[in-house]
Amino acid sequence: MPGSTIRDFTTGWLTNKQPEWSERTHEKYTGVINCFLDALGPMADNEILLLRKVHIAGFQKKVAKEKSPATANTMLKIIRAMLNEARREELIDNNPAELVSTLKIRRPDDDGGRRVFTMKQVKAMLEVAEPEMRLLIRLGLYTGQRLGDLCNLKWGQIDLELGEIRIQTSKTGRRQKIPIAGALRSDLLTLEQGQPENPLMPEINAYYQRAKSSGMSKRFRAVMVKAGIVEKRKHKATSQGRAGPRKVAPYSFHCFRHTLTTMLKAAGVSAPVAQEIIGHDSEAMNRHYTHLDSAVLRDALNQIPEA
């Protein structure tokens, strides 16, 4: 059986898998593998047969300390998938990553976890936001979709005649047709319709391409500061820099997903309908509920208060 170092195998695995992945997935997996190799140090140039549970558990512990247990668990799953491929190629007899348990994640309390926006807070943000940001906020509120997917919306994904927005989520690849709520439709009708390939929000799209999610999140936070929802951050230099687990911000754009779910539930909308609108990360849930009629989804969204 031909030998293979850990570094050689991981590099080859990334190359072979690239055609199967989206660009974003490939970047994510490459980043994880590079972190893994860095954590292994000189061990990365040893035969993959010598890789043991202790090496992977040490990597997991390091990530959990510097970032978060959830991130460490995600990285562990990627390492497991990679080593399963090594086992299929008969480079190793057993997958040592399967011997490492995922870390238990403490559920954040009310003060530490993400919160739900009130309609008063949403209206306060709309009052201080610039035109494209106002549209982005309403898109978040009435679709529950993630920030990047909304920033990248193009006119070809908007069908005003059928009254729906078509999205393929960047995180899960799930294709969705989301009915356009009445309040959101009014906003869209005020815009000059562009070509199918043109961004729905040109300025925000251009900014997102430059600054990515982190930059756009900071820009949205500035709106929340103006609206009096959060306080301006005080940047203090520390000897630790960015070390330490990343804290979950109580308020962020992601809160719109929780907000829409909460409002749908308050309006008496069933869980399957709410989940179909928001989108599932579970493949089983996707298969089970994809038969829901668009009229049912539209009626549910139209029960949400107008912002």
Protein backbone atom coordinates (compact mmCIF):
# COMPACT_ATOMS: atom_id res chain seq x y z
CA MET A 1 0.00 0.00 0.00
CA PRO A 2 1.52 3.35 -1.01
CA GLY A 3 2.29 5.73 1.83
CA SER A 4 0.96 9.27 2.12
CA THR A 5 1.79 12.08 4.50
CA ILE A 6 -1.01 13.92 6.23
CA ARG A 7 -0.16 17.09 4.34
CA ASP A 8 -0.06 15.37 0.94
CA PHE A 9 -3.36 13.61 1.50
CA THR A 10 -5.22 16.70 2.73
CA THR A 11 -3.96 18.75 -0.22
CA GLY A 12 -5.04 16.07 -2.67
CA TRP A 13 -8.42 15.69 -0.95
CA LEU A 14 -9.16 19.41 -1.30
CA THR A 15 -8.16 19.37 -4.96
CA ASN A 16 -10.26 16.30 -5.78
CA LYS A 17 -13.33 17.62 -3.97
CA GLN A 18 -13.23 21.16 -5.36
CA PRO A 19 -15.46 20.40 -8.41
CA GLU A 20 -18.17 19.06 -6.06
CA TRP A 21 -18.25 22.12 -3.81
CA SER A 22 -19.32 25.71 -4.14
CA GLU A 23 -16.57 28.32 -3.99
CA ARG A 24 -17.63 29.27 -0.49
CA THR A 25 -17.54 25.64 0.72
CA HIS A 26 -14.10 25.11 -0.79
CA GLU A 27 -12.77 28.23 0.93
CA LYS A 28 -14.26 27.09 4.25
CA TYR A 29 -12.83 23.56 4.03
CA THR A 30 -9.43 24.85 2.91
CA GLY A 31 -9.34 27.15 5.93
CA VAL A 32 -10.18 24.27 8.28
CA ILE A 33 -7.54 21.99 6.79
CA ASN A 34 -4.89 24.72 6.98
CA CYS A 35 -5.74 25.27 10.66
CA PHE A 36 -5.49 21.53 11.24
CA LEU A 37 -2.07 21.29 9.58
CA ASP A 38 -0.82 24.31 11.53
CA ALA A 39 -1.98 22.72 14.78
CA LEU A 40 -0.19 19.45 13.93
CA GLY A 41 3.09 21.24 13.26
CA PRO A 42 5.90 18.85 12.17
CA MET A 43 3.48 15.94 12.61
CA ALA A 44 1.72 17.07 9.40
CA ASP A 45 4.63 15.71 7.36
CA ASN A 46 4.43 12.24 8.91
CA GLU A 47 2.59 9.29 7.43
CA ILE A 48 -1.19 9.52 7.78
CA LEU A 49 -1.10 6.07 9.41
CA LEU A 50 0.50 7.70 12.45
CA LEU A 51 -2.40 10.10 13.01
CA ARG A 52 -4.09 9.33 16.32
CA LYS A 53 -7.08 10.39 18.39
CA VAL A 54 -4.86 12.50 20.65
CA HIS A 55 -3.78 14.69 17.74
CA ILE A 56 -7.34 15.40 16.64
CA ALA A 57 -8.61 15.91 20.20
CA GLY A 58 -5.78 18.40 20.77
CA PHE A 59 -6.79 20.31 17.64
CA GLN A 60 -10.43 20.33 18.76
CA LYS A 61 -9.47 21.65 22.20
CA LYS A 62 -7.33 24.41 20.67
CA VAL A 63 -10.14 25.58 18.37
CA ALA A 64 -12.71 25.52 21.19
CA LYS A 65 -10.44 27.70 23.33
CA GLU A 66 -9.67 30.24 20.59
CA LYS A 67 -13.05 30.35 18.87
CA SER A 68 -16.04 28.39 20.25
CA PRO A 69 -17.18 24.80 20.94
CA ALA A 70 -19.62 25.03 18.02
CA THR A 71 -16.81 25.97 15.62
CA ALA A 72 -14.65 23.16 17.03
CA ASN A 73 -17.47 20.67 16.39
CA THR A 74 -17.89 21.89 12.81
CA MET A 75 -14.18 21.53 12.15
CA LEU A 76 -14.17 18.05 13.69
CA LYS A 77 -16.91 16.95 11.26
CA ILE A 78 -14.82 18.16 8.33
CA ILE A 79 -11.76 16.27 9.59
CA ARG A 80 -13.93 13.17 10.00
CA ALA A 81 -15.17 13.44 6.41
CA MET A 82 -11.63 13.84 5.11
CA LEU A 83 -10.33 10.83 7.04
CA ASN A 84 -13.27 8.72 5.93
CA GLU A 85 -11.96 9.27 2.41
CA ALA A 86 -8.50 8.13 3.54
CA ARG A 87 -10.08 4.98 4.96
CA ARG A 88 -11.93 4.31 1.70
CA GLU A 89 -8.62 4.62 -0.14
CA GLU A 90 -7.14 2.10 2.36
CA LEU A 91 -4.52 4.54 3.59
CA ILE A 92 -5.76 4.02 7.17
CA ASP A 93 -7.63 1.15 8.81
CA ASN A 94 -9.72 3.27 11.17
CA ASN A 95 -10.80 6.89 11.33
CA PRO A 96 -9.30 8.36 14.53
CA ALA A 97 -11.58 11.41 14.29
CA GLU A 98 -14.59 9.16 14.92
CA LEU A 99 -13.13 8.39 18.35
CA VAL A 100 -13.30 12.08 19.30
CA SER A 101 -16.66 13.17 20.71
CA THR A 102 -18.25 16.47 19.80
CA LEU A 103 -18.19 19.07 22.54
CA LYS A 104 -21.30 19.81 24.52
CA ILE A 105 -22.53 23.31 23.73
CA ARG A 106 -24.03 25.30 26.53
CA ARG A 107 -27.28 26.89 25.41
CA PRO A 108 -26.96 30.65 25.83
CA ASP A 109 -29.33 32.30 28.29
CA ASP A 110 -31.67 35.16 27.42
CA ASP A 111 -28.96 37.76 27.89
CA GLY A 112 -26.29 35.92 25.91
CA GLY A 113 -28.23 34.47 23.00
CA ARG A 114 -29.60 36.16 19.91
CA ARG A 115 -32.79 38.09 20.50
CA VAL A 116 -35.93 38.91 18.56
CA PHE A 117 -36.54 42.39 17.16
CA THR A 118 -39.74 44.13 18.20
CA MET A 119 -41.71 45.98 15.54
CA LYS A 120 -40.84 49.19 17.37
CA GLN A 121 -37.15 48.41 16.92
CA VAL A 122 -37.63 47.51 13.24
CA LYS A 123 -39.44 50.80 12.59
CA ALA A 124 -36.69 52.70 14.43
CA MET A 125 -34.08 51.15 12.13
CA LEU A 126 -36.14 51.94 9.04
CA GLU A 127 -36.34 55.59 10.09
CA VAL A 128 -32.55 56.05 10.27
CA ALA A 129 -31.47 53.72 7.44
CA GLU A 130 -30.59 54.77 3.90
CA PRO A 131 -32.88 53.58 1.05
CA GLU A 132 -31.07 50.35 0.11
CA MET A 133 -30.50 49.47 3.76
CA ARG A 134 -34.22 49.99 4.40
CA LEU A 135 -35.00 47.50 1.66
CA LEU A 136 -32.44 45.06 3.07
CA ILE A 137 -34.07 45.31 6.50
CA ARG A 138 -37.53 44.62 5.08
CA LEU A 139 -36.14 41.70 3.07
CA GLY A 140 -34.67 40.28 6.27
CA LEU A 141 -37.92 40.76 8.14
CA TYR A 142 -40.27 39.30 5.51
CA THR A 143 -38.09 36.47 4.16
CA GLY A 144 -35.94 35.44 7.13
CA GLN A 145 -33.03 34.75 4.77
CA ARG A 146 -29.35 35.18 5.57
CA LEU A 147 -27.49 38.44 5.06
CA GLY A 148 -25.20 37.30 2.24
CA ASP A 149 -28.00 35.72 0.20
CA LEU A 150 -30.04 38.93 0.40
CA CYS A 151 -27.10 41.21 -0.43
CA ASN A 152 -26.49 39.12 -3.56
CA LEU A 153 -30.09 39.15 -4.80
CA LYS A 154 -30.47 39.91 -8.51
CA TRP A 155 -33.50 41.11 -10.44
CA GLY A 156 -33.71 37.73 -12.16
CA GLN A 157 -34.61 36.23 -8.78
CA ILE A 158 -37.54 38.62 -8.29
CA ASP A 159 -40.81 37.69 -10.01
CA LEU A 160 -43.31 40.46 -9.32
CA GLU A 161 -45.91 38.88 -11.59
CA LEU A 162 -45.96 35.61 -9.64
CA GLY A 163 -45.12 37.44 -6.46
CA GLU A 164 -42.14 35.37 -5.34
CA ILE A 165 -38.41 35.56 -4.65
CA ARG A 166 -36.24 32.64 -5.79
CA ILE A 167 -33.18 31.90 -3.67
CA GLN A 168 -30.60 29.14 -3.55
CA THR A 169 -29.08 29.45 -0.10
CA SER A 170 -25.31 29.69 -0.02
CA LYS A 171 -25.08 27.77 3.26
CA THR A 172 -27.11 24.66 2.39
CA GLY A 173 -27.70 24.96 -1.37
CA ARG A 174 -31.45 24.71 -0.74
CA ARG A 175 -33.65 26.20 -3.47
CA GLN A 176 -36.54 28.27 -2.15
CA LYS A 177 -39.46 30.18 -3.61
CA ILE A 178 -40.57 32.71 -1.03
CA PRO A 179 -43.84 34.58 -1.60
CA ILE A 180 -43.44 38.35 -1.52
CA ALA A 181 -45.35 39.82 1.43
CA GLY A 182 -47.62 42.74 0.61
CA ALA A 183 -45.48 45.30 2.47
CA LEU A 184 -42.34 44.11 0.71
CA ARG A 185 -44.02 44.13 -2.69
CA SER A 186 -44.87 47.82 -2.25
CA ASP A 187 -41.17 48.57 -1.75
CA LEU A 188 -40.11 46.57 -4.80
CA LEU A 189 -42.67 48.28 -7.04
CA THR A 190 -41.09 51.66 -6.30
CA LEU A 191 -37.77 50.54 -7.79
CA GLU A 192 -36.73 50.82 -11.40
CA GLN A 193 -36.49 47.21 -12.55
CA GLY A 194 -33.08 46.22 -13.86
CA GLN A 195 -31.83 43.45 -16.11
CA PRO A 196 -31.99 39.89 -14.69
CA GLU A 197 -28.26 39.86 -13.98
CA ASN A 198 -28.31 43.26 -12.21
CA PRO A 199 -28.18 43.36 -8.39
CA LEU A 200 -31.43 44.30 -6.69
CA MET A 201 -29.45 46.61 -4.37
CA PRO A 202 -26.41 47.74 -6.41
CA GLU A 203 -24.63 49.76 -3.74
CA ILE A 204 -25.11 47.16 -1.00
CA ASN A 205 -24.08 44.36 -3.36
CA ALA A 206 -20.88 46.18 -4.31
CA TYR A 207 -20.08 46.83 -0.65
CA TYR A 208 -20.74 43.20 0.23
CA GLN A 209 -18.38 41.99 -2.50
CA ARG A 210 -15.64 44.16 -0.98
CA ALA A 211 -16.29 43.77 2.73
CA LYS A 212 -18.01 40.35 2.84
CA SER A 213 -20.31 39.34 5.70
CA SER A 214 -18.19 40.80 8.48
CA GLY A 215 -18.11 44.26 6.90
CA MET A 216 -21.81 44.20 6.09
CA SER A 217 -22.62 43.07 9.64
CA LYS A 218 -20.70 46.06 11.01
CA ARG A 219 -22.62 48.35 8.68
CA PHE A 220 -25.92 46.92 9.88
CA ARG A 221 -24.78 47.32 13.47
CA ALA A 222 -24.19 51.03 12.79
CA VAL A 223 -27.89 51.28 11.87
CA MET A 224 -28.83 49.58 15.13
CA VAL A 225 -26.65 52.06 17.00
CA LYS A 226 -28.42 54.99 15.33
CA ALA A 227 -31.78 53.43 16.17
CA GLY A 228 -30.80 53.11 19.83
CA ILE A 229 -30.98 49.29 19.85
CA VAL A 230 -27.34 48.67 20.72
CA GLU A 231 -24.54 50.82 22.05
CA LYS A 232 -21.51 51.79 20.04
CA ARG A 233 -18.66 49.39 20.66
CA LYS A 234 -15.66 50.64 22.58
CA HIS A 235 -12.49 49.25 21.03
CA LYS A 236 -9.81 48.63 23.60
CA ALA A 237 -6.39 47.32 22.76
CA THR A 238 -5.49 44.20 24.72
CA SER A 239 -2.44 42.01 24.86
CA GLN A 240 -4.58 39.04 23.82
CA GLY A 241 -5.81 40.62 20.58
CA ARG A 242 -8.61 38.50 19.11
CA ALA A 243 -7.82 35.45 21.22
CA GLY A 244 -10.63 33.80 23.14
CA PRO A 245 -14.02 32.40 22.17
CA ARG A 246 -16.14 34.53 19.88
CA LYS A 247 -19.23 35.81 21.69
CA VAL A 248 -22.65 35.64 20.08
CA ALA A 249 -24.00 39.15 19.57
CA PRO A 250 -27.47 39.46 21.13
CA TYR A 251 -28.58 41.61 18.19
CA SER A 252 -27.45 41.05 14.61
CA PHE A 253 -28.98 40.69 11.15
CA HIS A 254 -29.45 36.99 11.86
CA CYS A 255 -32.07 37.99 14.44
CA PHE A 256 -34.51 38.57 11.57
CA ARG A 257 -34.71 34.78 11.15
CA HIS A 258 -35.76 34.42 14.77
CA THR A 259 -38.02 37.46 14.52
CA LEU A 260 -39.96 36.14 11.53
CA THR A 261 -40.30 32.70 13.13
CA THR A 262 -41.61 34.28 16.33
CA MET A 263 -44.10 36.52 14.50
CA LEU A 264 -45.40 33.63 12.39
CA LYS A 265 -45.87 31.55 15.52
CA ALA A 266 -47.67 34.45 17.24
CA ALA A 267 -49.99 34.72 14.21
CA GLY A 268 -50.96 31.07 14.63
CA VAL A 269 -49.02 29.82 11.61
CA SER A 270 -48.13 26.14 11.84
CA ALA A 271 -44.53 25.05 12.36
CA PRO A 272 -44.22 23.34 8.93
CA VAL A 273 -45.35 26.52 7.13
CA ALA A 274 -42.96 28.70 9.17
CA GLN A 275 -40.10 26.30 8.53
CA GLU A 276 -40.79 26.25 4.81
CA ILE A 277 -40.59 30.05 4.64
CA ILE A 278 -37.43 30.34 6.74
CA GLY A 279 -35.75 27.30 5.14
CA HIS A 280 -34.52 24.10 6.74
CA ASP A 281 -30.98 22.96 7.29
CA SER A 282 -32.31 19.43 7.65
CA GLU A 283 -32.49 17.42 4.44
CA ALA A 284 -35.23 15.24 5.95
CA MET A 285 -37.34 18.30 6.76
CA ASN A 286 -36.81 19.61 3.22
CA ARG A 287 -38.14 16.40 1.69
CA HIS A 288 -41.09 16.29 4.04
CA TYR A 289 -42.41 19.80 3.54
CA THR A 290 -41.60 20.78 -0.06
CA HIS A 291 -45.22 20.09 -1.08
CA LEU A 292 -46.55 23.16 0.72
CA ASP A 293 -48.58 25.39 -1.60
CA SER A 294 -47.24 28.90 -2.26
CA ALA A 295 -50.66 30.38 -1.49
CA VAL A 296 -50.43 28.94 2.02
CA LEU A 297 -47.02 30.52 2.48
CA ARG A 298 -48.21 33.87 1.10
CA ASP A 299 -51.22 33.94 3.44
CA ALA A 300 -48.89 33.24 6.36
CA LEU A 301 -46.53 36.09 5.46
CA ASN A 302 -49.39 38.52 4.99
CA GLN A 303 -50.32 38.00 8.63
CA ILE A 304 -47.07 39.66 9.69
CA PRO A 305 -47.47 43.29 10.83
CA GLU A 306 -46.32 45.91 8.35
CA ALA A 307 -43.08 47.66 9.25
